[in-house]
Structure formats: C-alpha cells, structure tokens
Amino acid sequence: MPYRNGKRKTWLVTLPTGNGLRKRISTGTTHEPTAKRFERMILDLGPKGKRDSLLDRVADGSLSIGTLYDYWNAENLPALRTSLADVDIEPFIELFLKRHSDHVSPSTIENYRHKLRLLMPEGEPFPCSLFTVSTLDSFITNYDGRRPIKQKAGSPSSERKAIMSPTKRKAHAALSQFAAHLVRHKILPHNPLRDLKAPPSNRPRIQYLEIVELRKLVEAQDEPFRSFAALLAGTGIDVSSAFPLRRKDLDIETKRFRAPGTKNHNRDRVVTVAEWAWQIMEADILLLGPSDLLFPAMTVERARKSHETACELLGIENYTQRDHRHTYAVRALRAGTPAEIVARQLGHCNTAMVTQVYGRFVPDGEEVAKWEKIATANDAKAIEAAKKVEDAAQVATTLATKPVLTLIHGNAKRRANPKGRTALRITAGGLEPPTVALTVRCSAN
C-alpha cells in the first residue's frame, strides 16, 4: 500500500527489484488515489504477473514511474519498449562532421552543423524513431534557416537576431548526408531522404556592382581588407579559397595563381586577376616573402565586418562578399569573354550555370556587330589563303599532265640547224614544246 514518510506530502510505494530486494520509490504525487493506481500497476507488472523489465528501468532511475504509468494506463507498453530501445542519434552528429572535415571546406562543415542542430539541438536526445519521412518533411517545409546569434555582453537589445539561409535544398542535402552516415553505421535501415523529394531551386541571385561603385567599395577599406576585396572581385574566387594563398602561389608576370577549392574538383583551378584589381594588390604583394601568406591575420568575421562597414558608409545595400563573384562574371561577359573562360574562372564544371544565370549579360547588338566585322575579315583572309593554295595546286597539275617534249625524227632538220637548242615557250595555252628537241637513233646494238 502507498505510504508517507514523516512530514513528506508525496506518497511512496515499494518496488520489488530483480535481485529479490525491495526499493522505496516516490510517486511524485500527493493524490492518494493516484498513488494507489501506481501500486496496482506494480502488482500487475511484478509480483502477481511475469516480472517486467520495465520495473528495473524504474528502479535504476532510467525511467520515471510516472512515464511507465502513462503507457501502462494507455495499454501501450510495446510503444514504450520501442522508444526505450531507440538509439539516440544526436551524438552521431559530431562523428559525422568529423568524418567529412577532411574532404569538404570548413564553411560546408559549419553549414551542416547549423542545419542539423536546428533539428537536433546539442545535448538533447533525439531517438532514431523520430528520424522519419514525416518529421523531416515537416522540418524542411517549415525551414527558414534561422540561426541564433549570441549578443555581446551589455548589449541593450535582448532580442535574438537571425540569419536567413538562401535555400531549403541545402537543409535537405545536409540531412541526406547525415542519414547516409547513419545507414553506414547500421543505425538506419535506409535513407528516408530518398523518399523525400528535394525542394525546387530558388531563383538565382544576381547582385553586382558597376566598376566605379565597386572600386569605391574596395578602396573604402583599409589594408589588408582592401587587397582582399580586390582579389575576390577581380577573380571571382570564394572567401575560403583566398585564405591559404601564399606569395609563391602567384605568377607576377601572368597575374595568375592556383585557387584551392574543396567543394568539388572543379573549384581547384588556375585563375587570372583582373588588371584593375592587380593594380591595388601589387604593391603589398611585392613586399612579401615567397612562403608568406597573402592575408595572415585575416578571418571570416573580420573580412565580413570590414565589407559591411564599407557598404554602410557608401550606402550600398544587399551586397555580400560572395556577390563579388556575380560582379566578376557580369563584367567579364559584357566584355565578350567566352562563357568557357568565365565558368573555369568561377570553378564551374561547364558553362550551363554561367549561361543560365548570366546569359542576359552577353554582348549587345552593337558589340556583336563589332565582332561580326572581325569575323568577316577573318573569313576573307581564310578564303584568300585557300584560293592561293588552289591556284598553286592547279599549276602543279598542269605541269604534270601537258607534254613537254616532242620527239623529232630525221637528221635533215638537225643538220639544217646543228646548233638548235631545246627550249620551252610559255603561251596562253600553257607550255609549248620546242620545234627541235631531240633525235632518237635506234641501233641494232
């Protein structure tokens, strides 16, 4: 029977343990009828029936007696056993990120962590049974990419700011990669993201600056941020690709260097620095030693802060550091640079994305007319060269097919002109053989 101990108001019950002993358990309630129902549940699962292992969970503290009662009262103990047998997949997140850190960029790892932690907060259990198509579908559908930002000490605002992610597809990709990791570890029988269609792509973002405004933005920053911004806008490379660059990576004469990339093999490429950007960077670069980093003290946060401060000073809105890639591509295509070169510079595997995103910035009608004149002149040169080759071939054919010698029989003509020489005369019909050319004498010997 339930009982109380001294002045305590909550009721206690006695729980038989697996080793034959008995343990006093608090019901956590001051309501005696409820405590008696707890007692009936213990009798049902223990002494009067086949001893249930769930009572051992209550005894060792891994299961509260209140939770056990809720499932027992609802006659749904199998569901409780299933949930207790669930594997907590929250600790697998860090293992997954560590495994991927050797072949993807740090920014990608950070994106994975952010999206996974929105679904599975750090330190909070997340049973494997909840990682279902319906749960994931609801998460991705309602995903807005909000990331809490810690406020500085003494900040007057207590509200939590947020950063918006550009697409839900990245959330789908991060969850899919994590699910594949769980499948490899035999935590999941299959990847539920395969049954969940990825959200459609957002419209491509095209935010760019004209060269005058771009140079103002770059020159409004102090060194080394000025050179850093010039490098990004003058090459189209990513922020993460600029950090590991060293002086020896740059070819001063050709203004080219290898841009390391980890997102895919195409991101590891050789790029050329635009002339306007090189003029800003050159003075500081020549002062460095061969093994010196171009930007040794640069961090993502410091570069971003410098960029945002300059934008605010100049009144430039909605222009991020990554938008320097758009500025580079638009400027290059307007100048008539082939899409293949722009794609290679940006690190794309082909021209599909370049033409899809920046197709409207290809040269206009006036520029096309200029290039057409050049193409026509090249055509004329090619036709003239081909005609010369054809004429030369015709002369060679004529020489090979027309007779050049005529056999003249009879010694009389030879005697009449003993000093006659063999000669060829050029006429309108071609080469005319000489009248006296050769005497052929036949002998029995």
Protein backbone atom coordinates (compact mmCIF):
# COMPACT_ATOMS: atom_id res chain seq x y z
CA MET A 1 0.00 0.00 0.00
CA PRO A 2 1.21 3.58 -0.60
CA TYR A 3 2.51 5.34 2.45
CA ARG A 4 4.05 8.59 3.58
CA ASN A 5 7.32 9.14 5.36
CA GLY A 6 7.27 11.67 8.17
CA LYS A 7 6.22 15.12 7.08
CA ARG A 8 6.57 14.46 3.36
CA LYS A 9 3.34 15.05 1.48
CA THR A 10 4.13 12.87 -1.55
CA TRP A 11 3.19 9.18 -1.44
CA LEU A 12 5.75 6.39 -1.62
CA VAL A 13 5.45 2.86 -2.96
CA THR A 14 7.66 -0.18 -2.59
CA LEU A 15 9.14 -1.57 -5.80
CA PRO A 16 10.45 -5.14 -5.99
CA THR A 17 13.83 -5.35 -7.74
CA GLY A 18 15.28 -8.09 -9.91
CA ASN A 19 17.66 -9.34 -7.18
CA GLY A 20 14.77 -10.03 -4.82
CA LEU A 21 15.15 -6.88 -2.78
CA ARG A 22 12.70 -4.03 -2.44
CA LYS A 23 13.24 -0.34 -3.17
CA ARG A 24 11.27 2.64 -1.96
CA ILE A 25 10.09 4.86 -4.83
CA SER A 26 8.40 8.24 -4.65
CA THR A 27 5.28 8.52 -6.79
CA GLY A 28 5.74 12.25 -7.07
CA THR A 29 2.08 12.86 -6.27
CA THR A 30 0.20 13.99 -3.20
CA HIS A 31 -3.02 12.43 -4.52
CA GLU A 32 -3.63 9.15 -2.71
CA PRO A 33 -5.95 7.57 -5.36
CA THR A 34 -3.25 8.14 -7.99
CA ALA A 35 -0.62 6.62 -5.73
CA LYS A 36 -2.88 3.55 -5.29
CA ARG A 37 -3.12 3.18 -9.06
CA PHE A 38 0.68 3.20 -9.18
CA GLU A 39 0.62 0.39 -6.64
CA ARG A 40 -1.81 -1.63 -8.78
CA MET A 41 0.48 -1.18 -11.81
CA ILE A 42 3.46 -2.51 -9.82
CA LEU A 43 1.45 -5.53 -8.71
CA ASP A 44 0.35 -6.12 -12.31
CA LEU A 45 3.89 -5.95 -13.72
CA GLY A 46 5.68 -7.52 -10.78
CA PRO A 47 4.67 -10.00 -8.04
CA LYS A 48 1.29 -11.03 -9.46
CA GLY A 49 2.43 -11.38 -13.04
CA LYS A 50 5.54 -12.10 -15.05
CA ARG A 51 8.12 -9.67 -13.87
CA ASP A 52 8.54 -6.91 -16.49
CA SER A 53 11.98 -5.48 -17.23
CA LEU A 54 10.41 -2.03 -17.26
CA LEU A 55 10.33 -2.17 -13.46
CA ASP A 56 14.13 -2.47 -13.48
CA ARG A 57 14.27 0.73 -15.57
CA VAL A 58 12.26 2.46 -12.86
CA ALA A 59 14.50 1.03 -10.15
CA ASP A 60 17.76 2.24 -11.76
CA GLY A 61 16.29 5.68 -12.50
CA SER A 62 16.41 5.48 -16.32
CA LEU A 63 12.59 5.53 -16.45
CA SER A 64 10.25 7.54 -14.28
CA ILE A 65 7.34 5.76 -12.62
CA GLY A 66 5.02 8.44 -13.98
CA THR A 67 6.05 7.69 -17.61
CA LEU A 68 5.62 3.97 -17.02
CA TYR A 69 2.17 4.55 -15.55
CA ASP A 70 1.08 6.68 -18.53
CA TYR A 71 1.94 3.90 -21.01
CA TRP A 72 0.53 1.17 -18.73
CA ASN A 73 -2.73 3.05 -18.24
CA ALA A 74 -3.00 3.54 -22.02
CA GLU A 75 -2.22 -0.15 -22.57
CA ASN A 76 0.65 0.87 -24.84
CA LEU A 77 3.68 -0.71 -23.20
CA PRO A 78 5.06 -2.03 -26.57
CA ALA A 79 5.46 1.56 -27.74
CA LEU A 80 7.35 2.38 -24.56
CA ARG A 81 9.70 -0.56 -25.08
CA THR A 82 10.32 0.53 -28.66
CA SER A 83 11.13 4.07 -27.60
CA LEU A 84 13.49 2.82 -24.90
CA ALA A 85 15.23 0.61 -27.45
CA ASP A 86 15.71 3.65 -29.72
CA VAL A 87 19.24 4.79 -30.41
CA ASP A 88 19.92 8.41 -29.63
CA ILE A 89 21.34 9.76 -32.90
CA GLU A 90 22.25 13.24 -31.56
CA PRO A 91 25.81 12.16 -30.57
CA PHE A 92 26.38 10.90 -34.14
CA ILE A 93 26.29 14.45 -35.50
CA GLU A 94 29.79 15.33 -34.33
CA LEU A 95 31.12 11.99 -35.59
CA PHE A 96 29.54 12.71 -38.98
CA LEU A 97 31.06 16.21 -39.14
CA LYS A 98 34.49 14.92 -38.14
CA ARG A 99 34.38 12.26 -40.86
CA HIS A 100 33.56 14.86 -43.54
CA SER A 101 36.01 17.52 -42.36
CA ASP A 102 38.92 16.02 -44.32
CA HIS A 103 37.34 16.41 -47.77
CA VAL A 104 34.95 19.37 -47.57
CA SER A 105 35.60 23.01 -46.72
CA PRO A 106 35.19 24.36 -43.17
CA SER A 107 32.29 26.53 -44.35
CA THR A 108 30.45 23.42 -45.58
CA ILE A 109 31.02 21.70 -42.23
CA GLU A 110 29.63 24.75 -40.46
CA ASN A 111 26.56 24.75 -42.72
CA TYR A 112 25.97 21.06 -41.99
CA ARG A 113 26.29 21.65 -38.25
CA HIS A 114 23.91 24.60 -38.33
CA LYS A 115 21.14 22.77 -40.17
CA LEU A 116 21.43 19.52 -38.22
CA ARG A 117 21.43 21.36 -34.89
CA LEU A 118 18.24 23.17 -35.82
CA LEU A 119 16.54 19.77 -35.94
CA MET A 120 18.57 18.09 -33.18
CA PRO A 121 19.83 20.62 -30.61
CA GLU A 122 23.12 19.76 -28.96
CA GLY A 123 22.75 17.79 -25.75
CA GLU A 124 19.07 16.96 -26.31
CA PRO A 125 18.25 13.29 -27.06
CA PHE A 126 16.80 12.61 -30.49
CA PRO A 127 15.61 9.00 -30.84
CA CYS A 128 16.14 7.26 -34.14
CA SER A 129 12.41 6.50 -34.38
CA LEU A 130 11.72 10.23 -34.85
CA PHE A 131 14.01 10.49 -37.87
CA THR A 132 11.17 9.69 -40.26
CA VAL A 133 9.95 11.00 -43.61
CA SER A 134 7.07 12.86 -41.98
CA THR A 135 9.32 14.54 -39.38
CA LEU A 136 11.92 15.51 -41.97
CA ASP A 137 9.31 16.72 -44.44
CA SER A 138 7.78 18.98 -41.80
CA PHE A 139 11.20 20.32 -40.81
CA ILE A 140 12.26 21.15 -44.39
CA THR A 141 8.86 22.60 -45.30
CA ASN A 142 8.95 24.99 -42.34
CA TYR A 143 12.69 25.61 -42.56
CA ASP A 144 13.63 29.29 -42.58
CA GLY A 145 17.31 28.94 -41.75
CA ARG A 146 17.20 30.97 -38.56
CA ARG A 147 20.48 30.84 -36.70
CA PRO A 148 20.66 32.41 -33.22
CA ILE A 149 23.44 34.93 -32.75
CA LYS A 150 24.88 35.46 -29.29
CA GLN A 151 24.61 39.03 -28.10
CA LYS A 152 27.65 40.81 -26.73
CA ALA A 153 27.78 41.48 -23.02
CA GLY A 154 25.95 44.65 -22.16
CA SER A 155 24.00 44.71 -25.40
CA PRO A 156 20.91 46.88 -24.98
CA SER A 157 18.83 44.57 -27.10
CA SER A 158 17.75 41.26 -25.60
CA GLU A 159 16.16 40.05 -28.82
CA ARG A 160 17.82 37.25 -30.74
CA LYS A 161 18.91 38.18 -34.23
CA ALA A 162 18.80 35.70 -37.06
CA ILE A 163 20.47 34.99 -40.38
CA MET A 164 18.40 33.64 -43.24
CA SER A 165 19.64 30.72 -45.31
CA PRO A 166 19.14 31.17 -49.05
CA THR A 167 17.59 27.80 -49.76
CA LYS A 168 15.84 24.78 -48.28
CA ARG A 169 17.72 22.49 -50.66
CA LYS A 170 20.84 22.81 -48.50
CA ALA A 171 18.88 21.61 -45.47
CA HIS A 172 17.71 18.60 -47.50
CA ALA A 173 21.29 17.91 -48.64
CA ALA A 174 22.72 18.12 -45.10
CA LEU A 175 20.09 15.77 -43.69
CA SER A 176 20.57 13.36 -46.58
CA GLN A 177 24.33 13.19 -45.99
CA PHE A 178 23.75 12.60 -42.27
CA ALA A 179 21.17 9.89 -42.97
CA ALA A 180 23.63 8.13 -45.30
CA HIS A 181 26.15 8.22 -42.44
CA LEU A 182 23.61 6.56 -40.12
CA VAL A 183 22.90 3.88 -42.74
CA ARG A 184 26.63 3.09 -43.00
CA HIS A 185 26.71 2.64 -39.21
CA LYS A 186 23.59 0.43 -39.38
CA ILE A 187 21.59 2.84 -37.23
CA LEU A 188 19.02 3.28 -40.01
CA PRO A 189 17.88 0.54 -42.39
CA HIS A 190 17.62 3.02 -45.28
CA ASN A 191 17.92 6.71 -46.04
CA PRO A 192 14.49 8.34 -45.53
CA LEU A 193 15.56 11.42 -47.52
CA ARG A 194 15.46 9.30 -50.66
CA ASP A 195 11.70 9.13 -50.22
CA LEU A 196 11.53 12.89 -49.82
CA LYS A 197 11.91 14.96 -52.96
CA ALA A 198 14.31 17.86 -52.67
CA PRO A 199 12.69 21.32 -52.74
CA PRO A 200 12.94 23.23 -56.04
CA SER A 201 15.82 25.60 -56.54
CA ASN A 202 15.36 29.25 -55.74
CA ARG A 203 15.78 31.82 -58.47
CA PRO A 204 19.49 32.52 -58.88
CA ARG A 205 20.71 35.58 -57.03
CA ILE A 206 22.40 38.18 -59.23
CA GLN A 207 23.59 41.15 -57.22
CA TYR A 208 26.50 43.03 -58.77
CA LEU A 209 28.16 46.44 -58.86
CA GLU A 210 29.38 48.54 -61.74
CA ILE A 211 33.14 49.06 -61.83
CA VAL A 212 33.01 52.65 -60.49
CA GLU A 213 30.93 51.69 -57.47
CA LEU A 214 32.95 48.50 -56.98
CA ARG A 215 36.23 50.39 -56.84
CA LYS A 216 34.79 52.81 -54.32
CA LEU A 217 33.74 49.86 -52.12
CA VAL A 218 37.18 48.29 -52.34
CA GLU A 219 39.12 51.49 -51.74
CA ALA A 220 36.91 52.43 -48.78
CA GLN A 221 38.51 49.58 -46.80
CA ASP A 222 41.85 49.59 -45.01
CA GLU A 223 44.59 47.13 -45.78
CA PRO A 224 44.68 44.15 -45.85
CA PHE A 225 40.91 44.18 -46.43
CA ARG A 226 41.32 46.41 -49.49
CA SER A 227 43.54 43.88 -51.26
CA PHE A 228 41.37 41.03 -50.02
CA ALA A 229 38.23 42.60 -51.53
CA ALA A 230 40.08 43.39 -54.78
CA LEU A 231 41.20 39.77 -55.03
CA LEU A 232 37.65 38.44 -54.57
CA ALA A 233 36.08 40.86 -57.07
CA GLY A 234 38.95 40.62 -59.54
CA THR A 235 38.97 36.83 -59.76
CA GLY A 236 35.56 35.52 -58.66
CA ILE A 237 37.06 33.12 -56.10
CA ASP A 238 35.46 32.23 -52.75
CA VAL A 239 36.48 33.67 -49.40
CA SER A 240 37.71 30.26 -48.23
CA SER A 241 39.97 29.95 -51.31
CA ALA A 242 41.72 33.24 -50.57
CA PHE A 243 42.83 32.45 -47.01
CA PRO A 244 45.50 29.79 -47.75
CA LEU A 245 47.14 31.73 -50.63
CA ARG A 246 50.86 32.42 -50.35
CA ARG A 247 53.14 34.75 -52.28
CA LYS A 248 54.72 31.84 -54.17
CA ASP A 249 51.31 30.78 -55.48
CA LEU A 250 51.15 33.92 -57.66
CA ASP A 251 52.85 34.35 -61.03
CA ILE A 252 53.70 38.05 -61.15
CA GLU A 253 54.22 38.13 -64.92
CA THR A 254 50.94 36.47 -65.91
CA LYS A 255 48.96 37.65 -62.86
CA ARG A 256 47.69 34.10 -62.37
CA PHE A 257 47.55 31.74 -59.41
CA ARG A 258 46.07 28.45 -58.35
CA ALA A 259 42.85 28.84 -56.37
CA PRO A 260 42.48 25.89 -53.99
CA GLY A 261 38.95 24.55 -53.62
CA THR A 262 37.39 21.68 -51.66
CA LYS A 263 33.75 21.83 -52.71
CA ASN A 264 34.46 19.79 -55.85
CA HIS A 265 37.37 19.11 -58.19
CA ASN A 266 36.41 21.99 -60.50
CA ARG A 267 36.93 24.52 -57.71
CA ASP A 268 40.64 23.67 -57.70
CA ARG A 269 41.71 25.74 -60.73
CA VAL A 270 44.08 28.40 -62.05
CA VAL A 271 42.60 31.92 -62.19
CA THR A 272 43.67 35.29 -63.58
CA VAL A 273 43.49 38.54 -61.63
CA ALA A 274 41.77 41.45 -63.39
CA GLU A 275 44.09 44.34 -64.22
CA TRP A 276 42.24 46.86 -62.02
CA ALA A 277 42.45 44.53 -59.02
CA TRP A 278 46.11 43.74 -59.63
CA GLN A 279 47.00 47.42 -59.50
CA ILE A 280 45.57 47.58 -55.96
CA MET A 281 47.22 44.38 -54.76
CA GLU A 282 50.61 44.58 -56.44
CA ALA A 283 52.43 46.95 -54.08
CA ASP A 284 51.75 44.86 -50.96
CA ILE A 285 52.35 41.53 -52.69
CA LEU A 286 55.87 42.50 -53.82
CA LEU A 287 56.86 43.13 -50.19
CA LEU A 288 56.09 39.54 -49.13
CA GLY A 289 58.47 36.62 -48.92
CA PRO A 290 57.84 33.53 -51.10
CA SER A 291 56.27 31.49 -48.28
CA ASP A 292 54.35 34.35 -46.66
CA LEU A 293 50.56 34.19 -46.56
CA LEU A 294 48.86 36.95 -48.51
CA PHE A 295 46.44 37.56 -45.66
CA PRO A 296 47.96 36.08 -42.47
CA ALA A 297 45.71 37.84 -39.95
CA MET A 298 42.51 37.57 -41.98
CA THR A 299 39.42 35.84 -40.57
CA VAL A 300 35.93 35.37 -41.95
CA GLU A 301 34.43 37.60 -39.28
CA ARG A 302 36.95 40.44 -39.72
CA ALA A 303 36.61 40.39 -43.51
CA ARG A 304 32.82 40.39 -43.30
CA LYS A 305 32.79 43.25 -40.80
CA SER A 306 35.09 45.37 -42.99
CA HIS A 307 32.91 44.70 -46.03
CA GLU A 308 29.68 45.56 -44.23
CA THR A 309 31.15 48.74 -42.75
CA ALA A 310 32.27 49.93 -46.20
CA CYS A 311 28.86 49.10 -47.69
CA GLU A 312 27.13 51.05 -44.94
CA LEU A 313 29.46 54.02 -45.44
CA LEU A 314 28.73 54.13 -49.19
CA GLY A 315 25.03 53.36 -48.88
CA ILE A 316 25.35 50.02 -50.73
CA GLU A 317 22.57 47.64 -49.70
CA ASN A 318 22.09 43.90 -50.08
CA TYR A 319 25.60 43.23 -51.38
CA THR A 320 27.59 40.44 -49.73
CA GLN A 321 31.20 39.35 -50.17
CA ARG A 322 30.01 36.38 -52.22
CA ASP A 323 28.32 38.79 -54.62
CA HIS A 324 31.81 39.72 -55.83
CA ARG A 325 31.55 36.53 -57.92
CA HIS A 326 28.49 37.94 -59.69
CA THR A 327 30.27 41.24 -60.29
CA TYR A 328 33.24 39.44 -61.83
CA ALA A 329 31.07 37.30 -64.11
CA VAL A 330 28.90 40.19 -65.34
CA ARG A 331 31.92 42.39 -66.08
CA ALA A 332 33.72 39.60 -67.95
CA LEU A 333 30.74 38.58 -70.09
CA ARG A 334 29.95 42.17 -71.01
CA ALA A 335 33.48 42.47 -72.35
CA GLY A 336 32.92 39.47 -74.62
CA THR A 337 34.84 36.94 -72.55
CA PRO A 338 33.80 33.41 -73.66
CA ALA A 339 31.50 31.59 -71.24
CA GLU A 340 34.00 28.72 -71.03
CA ILE A 341 36.64 31.03 -69.56
CA VAL A 342 34.19 32.59 -67.09
CA ALA A 343 33.00 29.14 -65.99
CA ARG A 344 36.57 27.97 -65.48
CA GLN A 345 37.41 31.11 -63.51
CA LEU A 346 34.40 30.64 -61.21
CA GLY A 347 35.11 26.92 -60.75
CA HIS A 348 32.06 25.53 -62.58
CA CYS A 349 32.34 22.17 -64.35
CA ASN A 350 30.71 23.54 -67.53
CA THR A 351 29.04 26.63 -68.96
CA ALA A 352 25.47 25.61 -68.06
CA MET A 353 25.23 27.72 -64.91
CA VAL A 354 27.05 30.66 -66.48
CA THR A 355 24.65 30.84 -69.42
CA GLN A 356 21.62 30.20 -67.21
CA VAL A 357 22.45 32.86 -64.62
CA TYR A 358 24.37 35.45 -66.62
CA GLY A 359 23.13 34.83 -70.16
CA ARG A 360 21.47 38.22 -70.46
CA PHE A 361 24.80 39.98 -69.90
CA VAL A 362 26.45 38.70 -73.11
CA PRO A 363 27.49 41.44 -75.57
CA ASP A 364 24.65 43.54 -77.00
CA GLY A 365 23.83 44.20 -80.68
CA GLU A 366 26.50 46.86 -81.16
CA GLU A 367 29.19 44.64 -79.69
CA VAL A 368 28.01 41.66 -81.74
CA ALA A 369 28.26 43.81 -84.89
CA LYS A 370 31.85 44.68 -83.97
CA TRP A 371 32.74 41.02 -83.52
CA GLU A 372 30.92 40.19 -86.78
CA LYS A 373 33.18 42.62 -88.68
CA ILE A 374 36.21 40.92 -87.22
CA ALA A 375 34.78 37.51 -88.11
CA THR A 376 34.08 38.69 -91.69
CA ALA A 377 37.64 39.96 -92.08
CA ASN A 378 38.95 36.64 -90.82
CA ASP A 379 36.69 34.85 -93.30
CA ALA A 380 38.11 36.95 -96.17
CA LYS A 381 41.67 36.13 -95.15
CA ALA A 382 40.85 32.44 -94.99
CA ILE A 383 39.17 32.50 -98.42
CA GLU A 384 42.14 34.33 -99.99
CA ALA A 385 44.63 31.89 -98.50
CA ALA A 386 42.58 28.94 -99.75
CA LYS A 387 42.43 30.44 -103.27
CA LYS A 388 46.22 30.77 -103.37
CA VAL A 389 46.60 27.14 -102.39
CA GLU A 390 44.07 26.13 -105.03
CA ASP A 391 45.89 28.11 -107.77
CA ALA A 392 49.22 26.57 -106.84
CA ALA A 393 47.68 23.11 -107.00
CA GLN A 394 46.24 23.84 -110.46
CA VAL A 395 49.65 24.89 -111.83
CA ALA A 396 51.21 21.73 -110.45
CA THR A 397 48.51 19.63 -112.13
CA THR A 398 49.09 21.38 -115.49
CA LEU A 399 52.79 20.69 -115.36
CA ALA A 400 52.16 17.05 -114.63
CA THR A 401 49.62 16.41 -117.46
CA LYS A 402 50.75 18.50 -120.56
CA PRO A 403 53.52 17.02 -122.85
CA VAL A 404 56.73 18.99 -122.61
CA LEU A 405 58.83 17.10 -125.10
CA THR A 406 58.21 16.13 -128.72
CA LEU A 407 60.35 13.56 -130.47
CA ILE A 408 61.57 14.91 -133.81
CA HIS A 409 62.76 12.20 -136.26
CA GLY A 410 65.11 12.85 -139.18
CA ASN A 411 68.63 14.05 -139.31
CA ALA A 412 67.91 16.63 -142.02
CA LYS A 413 66.41 19.14 -139.68
CA ARG A 414 69.18 18.51 -137.19
CA ARG A 415 71.79 19.14 -139.85
CA ALA A 416 69.93 22.24 -141.02
CA ASN A 417 70.10 23.63 -137.53
CA PRO A 418 73.05 21.92 -135.85
CA LYS A 419 73.19 24.48 -133.08
CA GLY A 420 69.47 24.29 -132.23
CA ARG A 421 68.72 24.26 -128.52
CA THR A 422 65.84 22.75 -126.58
CA ALA A 423 63.56 25.48 -125.32
CA LEU A 424 60.12 25.87 -123.85
CA ARG A 425 57.90 28.78 -124.71
CA ILE A 426 55.09 29.90 -122.45
CA THR A 427 51.89 30.61 -124.33
CA ALA A 428 48.30 31.29 -123.38
CA GLY A 429 47.61 27.58 -123.69
CA GLY A 430 50.37 26.62 -121.36
CA LEU A 431 53.86 25.33 -122.14
CA GLU A 432 54.70 24.81 -125.82
CA PRO A 433 57.39 22.24 -126.67
CA PRO A 434 60.38 23.26 -128.87
CA THR A 435 60.34 22.58 -132.61
CA VAL A 436 63.69 20.88 -132.48
CA ALA A 437 64.11 18.97 -129.31
CA LEU A 438 65.67 15.55 -129.60
CA THR A 439 66.78 12.99 -132.17
CA VAL A 440 66.36 9.36 -131.32
CA ARG A 441 68.67 6.93 -133.01
CA CYS A 442 67.95 3.25 -132.90
CA SER A 443 70.70 0.75 -133.29
CA ALA A 444 70.79 -2.98 -133.55
CA ASN A 445 73.39 -2.94 -130.87
